[in-house]
Amino acid sequence: MEKYFDHEKLDVYRAAIGFVVLVNDMIPTLPRGRAYLADQIQRAASSIALNIAERAGEYSGNEKIRFYRMAKRSATECASILDICKQLQLIEIQLFTKGRNLLLRIVAMLIKLSK
């Protein structure tokens, strides 16, 4: 029987990893000269998953909630970066919509878990 870390069992963690993969697929489509956006969204996307995983290793209830809040802030940062990319016409609308929908789902789960 395969063993899992606690965070690997969470739907929100799996969704966050899915967003990291989406961002990884998006990066090569960005035009040259937009490395700052690529770097920022890669770091923020990774931060969502990393904070969820870090929360799983915490015992204090207040600290657990703090990690979920940090993950939520990173998710909303990613949403803003996607919006910038959309407004500057740097990404296709389908990719924007897929990323935005995934982030909305992640944020909803994080809010629920924080209560």
N, C-alpha and C. Protein backbone atom coordinates (compact mmCIF):
# COMPACT_ATOMS: atom_id res chain seq x y z
N MET A 1 0.85 -1.18 0.00
CA MET A 1 0.00 0.00 0.00
C MET A 1 0.90 1.24 0.00
N GLU A 2 0.59 2.14 -0.90
CA GLU A 2 1.37 3.38 -1.02
C GLU A 2 1.01 4.33 0.12
N LYS A 3 2.03 4.99 0.65
CA LYS A 3 1.81 5.96 1.73
C LYS A 3 1.85 7.36 1.16
N TYR A 4 1.11 8.26 1.80
CA TYR A 4 1.03 9.65 1.35
C TYR A 4 1.31 10.59 2.51
N PHE A 5 1.86 11.74 2.17
CA PHE A 5 1.92 12.81 3.14
C PHE A 5 0.52 13.38 3.29
N ASP A 6 0.24 13.99 4.43
CA ASP A 6 -1.11 14.53 4.69
C ASP A 6 -1.55 15.50 3.59
N HIS A 7 -0.67 16.39 3.17
CA HIS A 7 -1.06 17.40 2.18
C HIS A 7 -1.40 16.78 0.82
N GLU A 8 -0.81 15.63 0.50
CA GLU A 8 -1.08 14.98 -0.79
C GLU A 8 -2.51 14.44 -0.89
N LYS A 9 -3.17 14.30 0.24
CA LYS A 9 -4.54 13.79 0.28
C LYS A 9 -5.57 14.89 0.04
N LEU A 10 -5.14 16.14 0.08
CA LEU A 10 -6.06 17.28 -0.03
C LEU A 10 -6.36 17.64 -1.48
N ASP A 11 -7.64 17.80 -1.80
CA ASP A 11 -8.04 18.23 -3.14
C ASP A 11 -7.42 19.58 -3.48
N VAL A 12 -7.36 20.48 -2.51
CA VAL A 12 -6.81 21.81 -2.76
C VAL A 12 -5.34 21.73 -3.14
N TYR A 13 -4.61 20.81 -2.55
CA TYR A 13 -3.19 20.64 -2.90
C TYR A 13 -3.07 20.13 -4.34
N ARG A 14 -3.86 19.14 -4.68
CA ARG A 14 -3.82 18.61 -6.05
C ARG A 14 -4.22 19.66 -7.07
N ALA A 15 -5.19 20.51 -6.73
CA ALA A 15 -5.59 21.60 -7.63
C ALA A 15 -4.45 22.61 -7.76
N ALA A 16 -3.76 22.88 -6.65
CA ALA A 16 -2.64 23.83 -6.68
C ALA A 16 -1.52 23.30 -7.56
N ILE A 17 -1.24 22.01 -7.48
CA ILE A 17 -0.22 21.40 -8.34
C ILE A 17 -0.68 21.49 -9.81
N GLY A 18 -1.97 21.29 -10.04
CA GLY A 18 -2.51 21.44 -11.40
C GLY A 18 -2.30 22.85 -11.93
N PHE A 19 -2.42 23.85 -11.05
CA PHE A 19 -2.19 25.23 -11.48
C PHE A 19 -0.71 25.46 -11.79
N VAL A 20 0.18 24.86 -11.01
CA VAL A 20 1.61 24.97 -11.29
C VAL A 20 1.92 24.41 -12.69
N VAL A 21 1.30 23.29 -13.02
CA VAL A 21 1.49 22.68 -14.34
C VAL A 21 0.95 23.61 -15.43
N LEU A 22 -0.23 24.19 -15.21
CA LEU A 22 -0.80 25.13 -16.18
C LEU A 22 0.13 26.32 -16.40
N VAL A 23 0.67 26.86 -15.32
CA VAL A 23 1.60 27.99 -15.43
C VAL A 23 2.85 27.57 -16.21
N ASN A 24 3.34 26.38 -15.93
CA ASN A 24 4.52 25.87 -16.65
C ASN A 24 4.25 25.78 -18.15
N ASP A 25 3.03 25.40 -18.52
CA ASP A 25 2.65 25.33 -19.93
C ASP A 25 2.46 26.73 -20.53
N MET A 26 2.07 27.69 -19.69
CA MET A 26 1.82 29.05 -20.16
C MET A 26 3.11 29.83 -20.42
N ILE A 27 4.12 29.60 -19.62
CA ILE A 27 5.36 30.39 -19.68
C ILE A 27 5.96 30.48 -21.09
N PRO A 28 6.09 29.37 -21.80
CA PRO A 28 6.70 29.46 -23.14
C PRO A 28 5.88 30.29 -24.14
N THR A 29 4.60 30.51 -23.85
CA THR A 29 3.75 31.28 -24.76
C THR A 29 3.89 32.78 -24.57
N LEU A 30 4.52 33.19 -23.44
CA LEU A 30 4.69 34.62 -23.20
C LEU A 30 5.75 35.19 -24.14
N PRO A 31 5.52 36.40 -24.65
CA PRO A 31 6.51 37.00 -25.55
C PRO A 31 7.80 37.35 -24.82
N ARG A 32 8.86 37.43 -25.58
CA ARG A 32 10.15 37.86 -25.01
C ARG A 32 9.96 39.23 -24.36
N GLY A 33 10.73 39.46 -23.32
CA GLY A 33 10.63 40.74 -22.63
C GLY A 33 9.62 40.72 -21.49
N ARG A 34 8.97 39.59 -21.28
CA ARG A 34 7.97 39.49 -20.19
C ARG A 34 8.43 38.49 -19.13
N ALA A 35 9.74 38.33 -19.00
CA ALA A 35 10.29 37.39 -18.03
C ALA A 35 9.86 37.73 -16.60
N TYR A 36 9.68 39.00 -16.32
CA TYR A 36 9.26 39.41 -14.98
C TYR A 36 7.89 38.83 -14.63
N LEU A 37 6.98 38.77 -15.60
CA LEU A 37 5.67 38.18 -15.35
C LEU A 37 5.79 36.66 -15.18
N ALA A 38 6.61 36.04 -16.01
CA ALA A 38 6.82 34.59 -15.92
C ALA A 38 7.38 34.22 -14.55
N ASP A 39 8.39 34.95 -14.13
CA ASP A 39 9.02 34.67 -12.84
C ASP A 39 8.03 34.87 -11.69
N GLN A 40 7.28 35.96 -11.74
CA GLN A 40 6.34 36.27 -10.66
C GLN A 40 5.24 35.23 -10.55
N ILE A 41 4.67 34.81 -11.68
CA ILE A 41 3.57 33.84 -11.60
C ILE A 41 4.10 32.45 -11.23
N GLN A 42 5.32 32.10 -11.65
CA GLN A 42 5.89 30.82 -11.25
C GLN A 42 6.10 30.78 -9.73
N ARG A 43 6.64 31.85 -9.18
CA ARG A 43 6.88 31.88 -7.73
C ARG A 43 5.57 31.88 -6.95
N ALA A 44 4.60 32.66 -7.40
CA ALA A 44 3.32 32.74 -6.68
C ALA A 44 2.56 31.41 -6.78
N ALA A 45 2.59 30.78 -7.95
CA ALA A 45 1.90 29.50 -8.13
C ALA A 45 2.52 28.43 -7.24
N SER A 46 3.85 28.39 -7.22
CA SER A 46 4.53 27.42 -6.35
C SER A 46 4.21 27.69 -4.89
N SER A 47 4.10 28.95 -4.53
CA SER A 47 3.82 29.33 -3.15
C SER A 47 2.47 28.80 -2.67
N ILE A 48 1.50 28.72 -3.56
CA ILE A 48 0.19 28.17 -3.17
C ILE A 48 0.38 26.75 -2.65
N ALA A 49 0.99 25.90 -3.49
CA ALA A 49 1.18 24.49 -3.12
C ALA A 49 2.10 24.35 -1.91
N LEU A 50 3.17 25.14 -1.87
CA LEU A 50 4.13 25.03 -0.78
C LEU A 50 3.51 25.41 0.57
N ASN A 51 2.67 26.44 0.59
CA ASN A 51 2.03 26.83 1.84
C ASN A 51 1.01 25.81 2.31
N ILE A 52 0.32 25.18 1.36
CA ILE A 52 -0.63 24.12 1.73
C ILE A 52 0.14 22.95 2.35
N ALA A 53 1.25 22.58 1.74
CA ALA A 53 2.06 21.48 2.27
C ALA A 53 2.65 21.85 3.64
N GLU A 54 3.12 23.07 3.77
CA GLU A 54 3.70 23.51 5.05
C GLU A 54 2.65 23.47 6.15
N ARG A 55 1.43 23.82 5.82
CA ARG A 55 0.34 23.80 6.79
C ARG A 55 0.14 22.40 7.34
N ALA A 56 0.32 21.40 6.50
CA ALA A 56 0.09 20.01 6.93
C ALA A 56 1.08 19.58 8.01
N GLY A 57 2.24 20.22 8.05
CA GLY A 57 3.24 19.87 9.05
C GLY A 57 3.13 20.67 10.34
N GLU A 58 2.13 21.51 10.42
CA GLU A 58 1.97 22.40 11.58
C GLU A 58 0.95 21.80 12.56
N TYR A 59 1.19 21.99 13.84
CA TYR A 59 0.28 21.47 14.87
C TYR A 59 -0.66 22.52 15.42
N SER A 60 -0.19 23.75 15.48
CA SER A 60 -1.00 24.82 16.05
C SER A 60 -2.14 25.19 15.09
N GLY A 61 -3.35 25.27 15.62
CA GLY A 61 -4.51 25.64 14.81
C GLY A 61 -4.38 27.00 14.16
N ASN A 62 -3.89 27.98 14.93
CA ASN A 62 -3.72 29.33 14.37
C ASN A 62 -2.68 29.35 13.25
N GLU A 63 -1.62 28.58 13.42
CA GLU A 63 -0.58 28.52 12.39
C GLU A 63 -1.10 27.84 11.13
N LYS A 64 -1.91 26.80 11.31
CA LYS A 64 -2.49 26.11 10.14
C LYS A 64 -3.31 27.10 9.31
N ILE A 65 -4.12 27.88 9.98
CA ILE A 65 -4.95 28.87 9.29
C ILE A 65 -4.08 29.91 8.60
N ARG A 66 -2.99 30.31 9.25
CA ARG A 66 -2.08 31.30 8.67
C ARG A 66 -1.51 30.80 7.34
N PHE A 67 -1.14 29.54 7.27
CA PHE A 67 -0.59 29.00 6.02
C PHE A 67 -1.65 28.98 4.92
N TYR A 68 -2.88 28.65 5.27
CA TYR A 68 -3.96 28.69 4.26
C TYR A 68 -4.18 30.12 3.78
N ARG A 69 -4.10 31.09 4.68
CA ARG A 69 -4.27 32.49 4.28
C ARG A 69 -3.13 32.92 3.35
N MET A 70 -1.91 32.48 3.64
CA MET A 70 -0.79 32.81 2.75
C MET A 70 -0.98 32.17 1.38
N ALA A 71 -1.47 30.94 1.35
CA ALA A 71 -1.74 30.28 0.07
C ALA A 71 -2.81 31.03 -0.70
N LYS A 72 -3.83 31.51 0.00
CA LYS A 72 -4.90 32.28 -0.65
C LYS A 72 -4.37 33.58 -1.23
N ARG A 73 -3.50 34.25 -0.50
CA ARG A 73 -2.90 35.49 -1.02
C ARG A 73 -2.09 35.22 -2.29
N SER A 74 -1.36 34.13 -2.30
CA SER A 74 -0.59 33.77 -3.50
C SER A 74 -1.52 33.45 -4.67
N ALA A 75 -2.65 32.82 -4.38
CA ALA A 75 -3.62 32.51 -5.44
C ALA A 75 -4.22 33.78 -6.02
N THR A 76 -4.54 34.74 -5.17
CA THR A 76 -5.11 35.98 -5.70
C THR A 76 -4.04 36.80 -6.43
N GLU A 77 -2.79 36.66 -6.02
CA GLU A 77 -1.70 37.29 -6.76
C GLU A 77 -1.62 36.68 -8.17
N CYS A 78 -1.73 35.37 -8.25
CA CYS A 78 -1.73 34.70 -9.56
C CYS A 78 -2.89 35.17 -10.42
N ALA A 79 -4.06 35.35 -9.81
CA ALA A 79 -5.22 35.84 -10.56
C ALA A 79 -4.95 37.21 -11.14
N SER A 80 -4.29 38.06 -10.38
CA SER A 80 -3.95 39.39 -10.87
C SER A 80 -2.95 39.33 -12.02
N ILE A 81 -1.97 38.46 -11.91
CA ILE A 81 -0.98 38.32 -12.98
C ILE A 81 -1.65 37.80 -14.25
N LEU A 82 -2.57 36.84 -14.09
CA LEU A 82 -3.31 36.36 -15.26
C LEU A 82 -4.11 37.50 -15.90
N ASP A 83 -4.72 38.33 -15.06
CA ASP A 83 -5.50 39.46 -15.57
C ASP A 83 -4.61 40.44 -16.33
N ILE A 84 -3.43 40.70 -15.80
CA ILE A 84 -2.47 41.57 -16.50
C ILE A 84 -2.13 40.98 -17.86
N CYS A 85 -1.84 39.68 -17.87
CA CYS A 85 -1.50 39.01 -19.14
C CYS A 85 -2.67 39.08 -20.13
N LYS A 86 -3.88 38.93 -19.61
CA LYS A 86 -5.06 39.02 -20.49
C LYS A 86 -5.21 40.43 -21.04
N GLN A 87 -5.12 41.44 -20.17
CA GLN A 87 -5.31 42.82 -20.59
C GLN A 87 -4.24 43.28 -21.58
N LEU A 88 -3.03 42.74 -21.43
CA LEU A 88 -1.94 43.08 -22.35
C LEU A 88 -1.94 42.17 -23.58
N GLN A 89 -2.93 41.29 -23.65
CA GLN A 89 -3.09 40.35 -24.76
C GLN A 89 -1.85 39.47 -24.93
N LEU A 90 -1.34 38.97 -23.81
CA LEU A 90 -0.15 38.14 -23.82
C LEU A 90 -0.47 36.65 -23.79
N ILE A 91 -1.71 36.31 -23.39
CA ILE A 91 -2.11 34.90 -23.35
C ILE A 91 -3.46 34.73 -24.04
N GLU A 92 -3.70 33.52 -24.49
CA GLU A 92 -4.98 33.21 -25.13
C GLU A 92 -6.09 33.20 -24.08
N ILE A 93 -7.28 33.59 -24.50
CA ILE A 93 -8.41 33.69 -23.58
C ILE A 93 -8.74 32.34 -22.95
N GLN A 94 -8.55 31.25 -23.70
CA GLN A 94 -8.85 29.92 -23.15
C GLN A 94 -7.93 29.59 -21.98
N LEU A 95 -6.66 29.95 -22.11
CA LEU A 95 -5.70 29.70 -21.04
C LEU A 95 -6.00 30.58 -19.83
N PHE A 96 -6.35 31.83 -20.09
CA PHE A 96 -6.75 32.73 -19.01
C PHE A 96 -7.95 32.16 -18.26
N THR A 97 -8.97 31.72 -19.00
CA THR A 97 -10.20 31.21 -18.39
C THR A 97 -9.93 29.94 -17.59
N LYS A 98 -9.14 29.05 -18.14
CA LYS A 98 -8.81 27.81 -17.43
C LYS A 98 -8.07 28.11 -16.13
N GLY A 99 -7.08 29.00 -16.20
CA GLY A 99 -6.33 29.37 -15.00
C GLY A 99 -7.18 30.07 -13.97
N ARG A 100 -8.01 31.00 -14.43
CA ARG A 100 -8.88 31.74 -13.52
C ARG A 100 -9.86 30.81 -12.82
N ASN A 101 -10.47 29.90 -13.57
CA ASN A 101 -11.42 28.96 -12.97
C ASN A 101 -10.75 28.06 -11.94
N LEU A 102 -9.55 27.63 -12.23
CA LEU A 102 -8.82 26.80 -11.28
C LEU A 102 -8.49 27.59 -10.02
N LEU A 103 -8.08 28.84 -10.19
CA LEU A 103 -7.79 29.69 -9.02
C LEU A 103 -9.04 29.97 -8.20
N LEU A 104 -10.17 30.20 -8.85
CA LEU A 104 -11.42 30.40 -8.10
C LEU A 104 -11.75 29.17 -7.26
N ARG A 105 -11.52 28.00 -7.82
CA ARG A 105 -11.78 26.75 -7.10
C ARG A 105 -10.81 26.62 -5.92
N ILE A 106 -9.54 26.92 -6.15
CA ILE A 106 -8.53 26.83 -5.09
C ILE A 106 -8.86 27.80 -3.95
N VAL A 107 -9.18 29.04 -4.28
CA VAL A 107 -9.50 30.04 -3.26
C VAL A 107 -10.74 29.63 -2.47
N ALA A 108 -11.75 29.11 -3.13
CA ALA A 108 -12.97 28.67 -2.43
C ALA A 108 -12.64 27.56 -1.43
N MET A 109 -11.80 26.62 -1.84
CA MET A 109 -11.42 25.54 -0.93
C MET A 109 -10.60 26.07 0.24
N LEU A 110 -9.68 26.99 -0.03
CA LEU A 110 -8.86 27.56 1.05
C LEU A 110 -9.70 28.33 2.05
N ILE A 111 -10.68 29.07 1.57
CA ILE A 111 -11.57 29.80 2.47
C ILE A 111 -12.32 28.82 3.37
N LYS A 112 -12.81 27.76 2.77
CA LYS A 112 -13.56 26.75 3.53
C LYS A 112 -12.66 26.08 4.58
N LEU A 113 -11.44 25.75 4.19
CA LEU A 113 -10.51 25.11 5.11
C LEU A 113 -10.05 26.05 6.23
N SER A 114 -10.10 27.34 6.00
CA SER A 114 -9.65 28.31 7.00
C SER A 114 -10.67 28.53 8.10
N LYS A 115 -11.88 28.09 7.87
CA LYS A 115 -12.95 28.31 8.88
C LYS A 115 -12.97 27.23 9.93
